[in-house]
PDB file of N, CA and C in Angstrom:
ATOM      1  N   MET A   1     -16.595  19.202   1.399  1.00  0.00           N
ATOM      2  CA  MET A   1     -16.577  18.331   0.241  1.00  0.00           C
ATOM      3  C   MET A   1     -15.152  17.847  -0.003  1.00  0.00           C
ATOM      4  N   VAL A   2     -15.032  16.585  -0.336  1.00  0.00           N
ATOM      5  CA  VAL A   2     -13.745  15.996  -0.687  1.00  0.00           C
ATOM      6  C   VAL A   2     -13.798  15.634  -2.167  1.00  0.00           C
ATOM      7  N   PRO A   3     -13.005  16.308  -3.004  1.00  0.00           N
ATOM      8  CA  PRO A   3     -13.084  16.055  -4.436  1.00  0.00           C
ATOM      9  C   PRO A   3     -12.503  14.710  -4.868  1.00  0.00           C
ATOM     10  N   HIS A   4     -11.662  14.124  -4.029  1.00  0.00           N
ATOM     11  CA  HIS A   4     -11.018  12.861  -4.407  1.00  0.00           C
ATOM     12  C   HIS A   4     -10.629  12.107  -3.152  1.00  0.00           C
ATOM     13  N   CYS A   5     -10.857  10.828  -3.168  1.00  0.00           N
ATOM     14  CA  CYS A   5     -10.463   9.988  -2.041  1.00  0.00           C
ATOM     15  C   CYS A   5     -10.158   8.595  -2.576  1.00  0.00           C
ATOM     16  N   HIS A   6      -9.121   7.962  -2.047  1.00  0.00           N
ATOM     17  CA  HIS A   6      -8.856   6.581  -2.416  1.00  0.00           C
ATOM     18  C   HIS A   6      -8.214   5.856  -1.246  1.00  0.00           C
ATOM     19  N   VAL A   7      -8.246   4.552  -1.314  1.00  0.00           N
ATOM     20  CA  VAL A   7      -7.662   3.728  -0.257  1.00  0.00           C
ATOM     21  C   VAL A   7      -6.774   2.668  -0.888  1.00  0.00           C
ATOM     22  N   HIS A   8      -5.842   2.199  -0.103  1.00  0.00           N
ATOM     23  CA  HIS A   8      -5.002   1.087  -0.503  1.00  0.00           C
ATOM     24  C   HIS A   8      -5.298  -0.050   0.461  1.00  0.00           C
ATOM     25  N   ILE A   9      -5.623  -1.215  -0.069  1.00  0.00           N
ATOM     26  CA  ILE A   9      -5.900  -2.378   0.759  1.00  0.00           C
ATOM     27  C   ILE A   9      -4.704  -3.311   0.651  1.00  0.00           C
ATOM     28  N   ILE A  10      -4.093  -3.571   1.797  1.00  0.00           N
ATOM     29  CA  ILE A  10      -2.903  -4.409   1.828  1.00  0.00           C
ATOM     30  C   ILE A  10      -3.221  -5.660   2.637  1.00  0.00           C
ATOM     31  N   PRO A  11      -3.289  -6.813   1.972  1.00  0.00           N
ATOM     32  CA  PRO A  11      -3.556  -8.046   2.712  1.00  0.00           C
ATOM     33  C   PRO A  11      -2.446  -8.313   3.722  1.00  0.00           C
ATOM     34  N   ARG A  12      -2.827  -8.669   4.917  1.00  0.00           N
ATOM     35  CA  ARG A  12      -1.860  -8.955   5.982  1.00  0.00           C
ATOM     36  C   ARG A  12      -2.214 -10.267   6.634  1.00  0.00           C
ATOM     37  N   LYS A  13      -1.236 -10.869   7.313  1.00  0.00           N
ATOM     38  CA  LYS A  13      -1.498 -12.048   8.119  1.00  0.00           C
ATOM     39  C   LYS A  13      -0.647 -11.956   9.382  1.00  0.00           C
ATOM     40  N   VAL A  14      -1.079 -12.619  10.413  1.00  0.00           N
ATOM     41  CA  VAL A  14      -0.390 -12.566  11.697  1.00  0.00           C
ATOM     42  C   VAL A  14       1.063 -13.012  11.513  1.00  0.00           C
ATOM     43  N   GLY A  15       1.984 -12.190  12.009  1.00  0.00           N
ATOM     44  CA  GLY A  15       3.404 -12.529  11.972  1.00  0.00           C
ATOM     45  C   GLY A  15       4.110 -12.230  10.667  1.00  0.00           C
ATOM     46  N   ASP A  16       3.451 -11.551   9.722  1.00  0.00           N
ATOM     47  CA  ASP A  16       4.119 -11.281   8.453  1.00  0.00           C
ATOM     48  C   ASP A  16       5.285 -10.303   8.597  1.00  0.00           C
ATOM     49  N   PHE A  17       5.253  -9.461   9.622  1.00  0.00           N
ATOM     50  CA  PHE A  17       6.357  -8.558   9.931  1.00  0.00           C
ATOM     51  C   PHE A  17       6.587  -8.592  11.433  1.00  0.00           C
ATOM     52  N   VAL A  18       7.839  -8.639  11.840  1.00  0.00           N
ATOM     53  CA  VAL A  18       8.162  -8.670  13.269  1.00  0.00           C
ATOM     54  C   VAL A  18       7.634  -7.410  13.943  1.00  0.00           C
ATOM     55  N   GLU A  19       7.992  -6.273  13.392  1.00  0.00           N
ATOM     56  CA  GLU A  19       7.469  -4.988  13.865  1.00  0.00           C
ATOM     57  C   GLU A  19       6.411  -4.534  12.867  1.00  0.00           C
ATOM     58  N   ASN A  20       5.247  -4.209  13.332  1.00  0.00           N
ATOM     59  CA  ASN A  20       4.128  -3.859  12.457  1.00  0.00           C
ATOM     60  C   ASN A  20       4.476  -2.761  11.458  1.00  0.00           C
ATOM     61  N   ASP A  21       5.209  -1.741  11.865  1.00  0.00           N
ATOM     62  CA  ASP A  21       5.518  -0.610  10.980  1.00  0.00           C
ATOM     63  C   ASP A  21       6.533  -0.950   9.888  1.00  0.00           C
ATOM     64  N   GLU A  22       7.151  -2.128   9.940  1.00  0.00           N
ATOM     65  CA  GLU A  22       8.103  -2.518   8.896  1.00  0.00           C
ATOM     66  C   GLU A  22       7.435  -2.627   7.535  1.00  0.00           C
ATOM     67  N   ILE A  23       6.132  -2.825   7.529  1.00  0.00           N
ATOM     68  CA  ILE A  23       5.423  -2.925   6.246  1.00  0.00           C
ATOM     69  C   ILE A  23       5.598  -1.651   5.420  1.00  0.00           C
ATOM     70  N   TYR A  24       5.680  -0.494   6.087  1.00  0.00           N
ATOM     71  CA  TYR A  24       5.819   0.761   5.346  1.00  0.00           C
ATOM     72  C   TYR A  24       7.159   0.845   4.638  1.00  0.00           C
ATOM     73  N   LYS A  25       8.205   0.306   5.237  1.00  0.00           N
ATOM     74  CA  LYS A  25       9.517   0.274   4.577  1.00  0.00           C
ATOM     75  C   LYS A  25       9.452  -0.603   3.328  1.00  0.00           C
ATOM     76  N   GLU A  26       8.765  -1.728   3.440  1.00  0.00           N
ATOM     77  CA  GLU A  26       8.635  -2.643   2.308  1.00  0.00           C
ATOM     78  C   GLU A  26       7.815  -2.010   1.179  1.00  0.00           C
ATOM     79  N   ILE A  27       6.750  -1.340   1.539  1.00  0.00           N
ATOM     80  CA  ILE A  27       5.916  -0.664   0.534  1.00  0.00           C
ATOM     81  C   ILE A  27       6.737   0.373  -0.220  1.00  0.00           C
ATOM     82  N   ASN A  28       7.533   1.143   0.498  1.00  0.00           N
ATOM     83  CA  ASN A  28       8.329   2.197  -0.133  1.00  0.00           C
ATOM     84  C   ASN A  28       9.384   1.651  -1.086  1.00  0.00           C
ATOM     85  N   LYS A  29       9.799   0.414  -0.899  1.00  0.00           N
ATOM     86  CA  LYS A  29      10.800  -0.186  -1.786  1.00  0.00           C
ATOM     87  C   LYS A  29      10.243  -0.432  -3.184  1.00  0.00           C
ATOM     88  N   SER A  30       8.991  -0.827  -3.264  1.00  0.00           N
ATOM     89  CA  SER A  30       8.473  -1.300  -4.546  1.00  0.00           C
ATOM     90  C   SER A  30       7.287  -0.525  -5.102  1.00  0.00           C
ATOM     91  N   THR A  31       6.706   0.355  -4.345  1.00  0.00           N
ATOM     92  CA  THR A  31       5.491   1.020  -4.798  1.00  0.00           C
ATOM     93  C   THR A  31       5.760   2.464  -5.183  1.00  0.00           C
ATOM     94  N   ARG A  32       5.359   2.791  -6.389  1.00  0.00           N
ATOM     95  CA  ARG A  32       5.413   4.174  -6.854  1.00  0.00           C
ATOM     96  C   ARG A  32       4.007   4.528  -7.278  1.00  0.00           C
ATOM     97  N   VAL A  33       3.338   5.307  -6.476  1.00  0.00           N
ATOM     98  CA  VAL A  33       1.941   5.623  -6.750  1.00  0.00           C
ATOM     99  C   VAL A  33       1.810   6.678  -7.830  1.00  0.00           C
ATOM    100  N   ASP A  34       2.504   7.764  -7.687  1.00  0.00           N
ATOM    101  CA  ASP A  34       2.406   8.858  -8.657  1.00  0.00           C
ATOM    102  C   ASP A  34       3.715   8.985  -9.420  1.00  0.00           C
ATOM    103  N   ASN A  35       3.660   8.728 -10.701  1.00  0.00           N
ATOM    104  CA  ASN A  35       4.839   8.877 -11.536  1.00  0.00           C
ATOM    105  C   ASN A  35       4.430   9.181 -12.973  1.00  0.00           C
ATOM    106  N   GLU A  36       5.384   9.540 -13.776  1.00  0.00           N
ATOM    107  CA  GLU A  36       5.121   9.943 -15.154  1.00  0.00           C
ATOM    108  C   GLU A  36       4.627   8.788 -16.024  1.00  0.00           C
ATOM    109  N   GLU A  37       4.926   7.557 -15.629  1.00  0.00           N
ATOM    110  CA  GLU A  37       4.559   6.396 -16.433  1.00  0.00           C
ATOM    111  C   GLU A  37       3.069   6.061 -16.337  1.00  0.00           C
ATOM    112  N   ARG A  38       2.409   6.562 -15.312  1.00  0.00           N
ATOM    113  CA  ARG A  38       0.997   6.240 -15.101  1.00  0.00           C
ATOM    114  C   ARG A  38       0.117   7.277 -15.784  1.00  0.00           C
ATOM    115  N   ALA A  39      -0.666   6.814 -16.734  1.00  0.00           N
ATOM    116  CA  ALA A  39      -1.570   7.720 -17.449  1.00  0.00           C
ATOM    117  C   ALA A  39      -2.844   7.916 -16.635  1.00  0.00           C
ATOM    118  N   PRO A  40      -3.376   9.128 -16.598  1.00  0.00           N
ATOM    119  CA  PRO A  40      -4.626   9.361 -15.877  1.00  0.00           C
ATOM    120  C   PRO A  40      -5.779   8.606 -16.524  1.00  0.00           C
ATOM    121  N   ARG A  41      -6.695   8.137 -15.695  1.00  0.00           N
ATOM    122  CA  ARG A  41      -7.876   7.454 -16.214  1.00  0.00           C
ATOM    123  C   ARG A  41      -8.961   8.479 -16.504  1.00  0.00           C
ATOM    124  N   SER A  42      -9.842   8.124 -17.429  1.00  0.00           N
ATOM    125  CA  SER A  42     -10.939   9.031 -17.767  1.00  0.00           C
ATOM    126  C   SER A  42     -12.015   8.976 -16.690  1.00  0.00           C
ATOM    127  N   LEU A  43     -12.890   9.983 -16.678  1.00  0.00           N
ATOM    128  CA  LEU A  43     -14.007   9.976 -15.737  1.00  0.00           C
ATOM    129  C   LEU A  43     -14.888   8.756 -15.969  1.00  0.00           C
ATOM    130  N   GLU A  44     -15.044   8.359 -17.211  1.00  0.00           N
ATOM    131  CA  GLU A  44     -15.853   7.179 -17.540  1.00  0.00           C
ATOM    132  C   GLU A  44     -15.243   5.914 -16.934  1.00  0.00           C
ATOM    133  N   GLU A  45     -13.926   5.757 -17.056  1.00  0.00           N
ATOM    134  CA  GLU A  45     -13.256   4.588 -16.478  1.00  0.00           C
ATOM    135  C   GLU A  45     -13.406   4.552 -14.958  1.00  0.00           C
ATOM    136  N   MET A  46     -13.235   5.703 -14.324  1.00  0.00           N
ATOM    137  CA  MET A  46     -13.354   5.758 -12.863  1.00  0.00           C
ATOM    138  C   MET A  46     -14.789   5.505 -12.411  1.00  0.00           C
ATOM    139  N   ALA A  47     -15.773   6.012 -13.157  1.00  0.00           N
ATOM    140  CA  ALA A  47     -17.177   5.785 -12.814  1.00  0.00           C
ATOM    141  C   ALA A  47     -17.525   4.305 -12.920  1.00  0.00           C
ATOM    142  N   LYS A  48     -17.015   3.648 -13.952  1.00  0.00           N
ATOM    143  CA  LYS A  48     -17.254   2.215 -14.136  1.00  0.00           C
ATOM    144  C   LYS A  48     -16.653   1.425 -12.965  1.00  0.00           C
ATOM    145  N   GLU A  49     -15.439   1.765 -12.596  1.00  0.00           N
ATOM    146  CA  GLU A  49     -14.783   1.084 -11.472  1.00  0.00           C
ATOM    147  C   GLU A  49     -15.549   1.331 -10.170  1.00  0.00           C
ATOM    148  N   ALA A  50     -15.977   2.567  -9.947  1.00  0.00           N
ATOM    149  CA  ALA A  50     -16.725   2.902  -8.731  1.00  0.00           C
ATOM    150  C   ALA A  50     -18.032   2.124  -8.664  1.00  0.00           C
ATOM    151  N   ALA A  51     -18.716   1.996  -9.788  1.00  0.00           N
ATOM    152  CA  ALA A  51     -19.975   1.239  -9.824  1.00  0.00           C
ATOM    153  C   ALA A  51     -19.733  -0.221  -9.476  1.00  0.00           C
ATOM    154  N   HIS A  52     -18.644  -0.783  -9.977  1.00  0.00           N
ATOM    155  CA  HIS A  52     -18.298  -2.169  -9.659  1.00  0.00           C
ATOM    156  C   HIS A  52     -17.967  -2.333  -8.172  1.00  0.00           C
ATOM    157  N   LEU A  53     -17.177  -1.424  -7.623  1.00  0.00           N
ATOM    158  CA  LEU A  53     -16.745  -1.534  -6.226  1.00  0.00           C
ATOM    159  C   LEU A  53     -17.869  -1.227  -5.225  1.00  0.00           C
ATOM    160  N   ARG A  54     -18.858  -0.439  -5.649  1.00  0.00           N
ATOM    161  CA  ARG A  54     -19.947  -0.026  -4.755  1.00  0.00           C
ATOM    162  C   ARG A  54     -20.632  -1.224  -4.106  1.00  0.00           C
ATOM    163  N   GLN A  55     -20.746  -2.334  -4.819  1.00  0.00           N
ATOM    164  CA  GLN A  55     -21.410  -3.520  -4.282  1.00  0.00           C
ATOM    165  C   GLN A  55     -20.695  -4.108  -3.068  1.00  0.00           C
ATOM    166  N   PHE A  56     -19.417  -3.793  -2.894  1.00  0.00           N
ATOM    167  CA  PHE A  56     -18.653  -4.342  -1.794  1.00  0.00           C
ATOM    168  C   PHE A  56     -18.663  -3.478  -0.538  1.00  0.00           C
ATOM    169  N   PHE A  57     -19.222  -2.262  -0.640  1.00  0.00           N
ATOM    170  CA  PHE A  57     -19.188  -1.343   0.496  1.00  0.00           C
ATOM    171  C   PHE A  57     -20.570  -0.976   0.979  1.00  0.00           C
TER     172      PHE A  57
END
């Protein structure tokens, strides 16, 4: 059993980075996933989001 799983979808296009792995350096410059400023969402909020996203998968 996996109690939690999430994905990050990053739009890409051919030639956006010379070296494919350079995208990770760029992500690290501006993205902070876990920090004190982000408040946890309620189970109700996550369930609502999951129900909305389910139609796409």
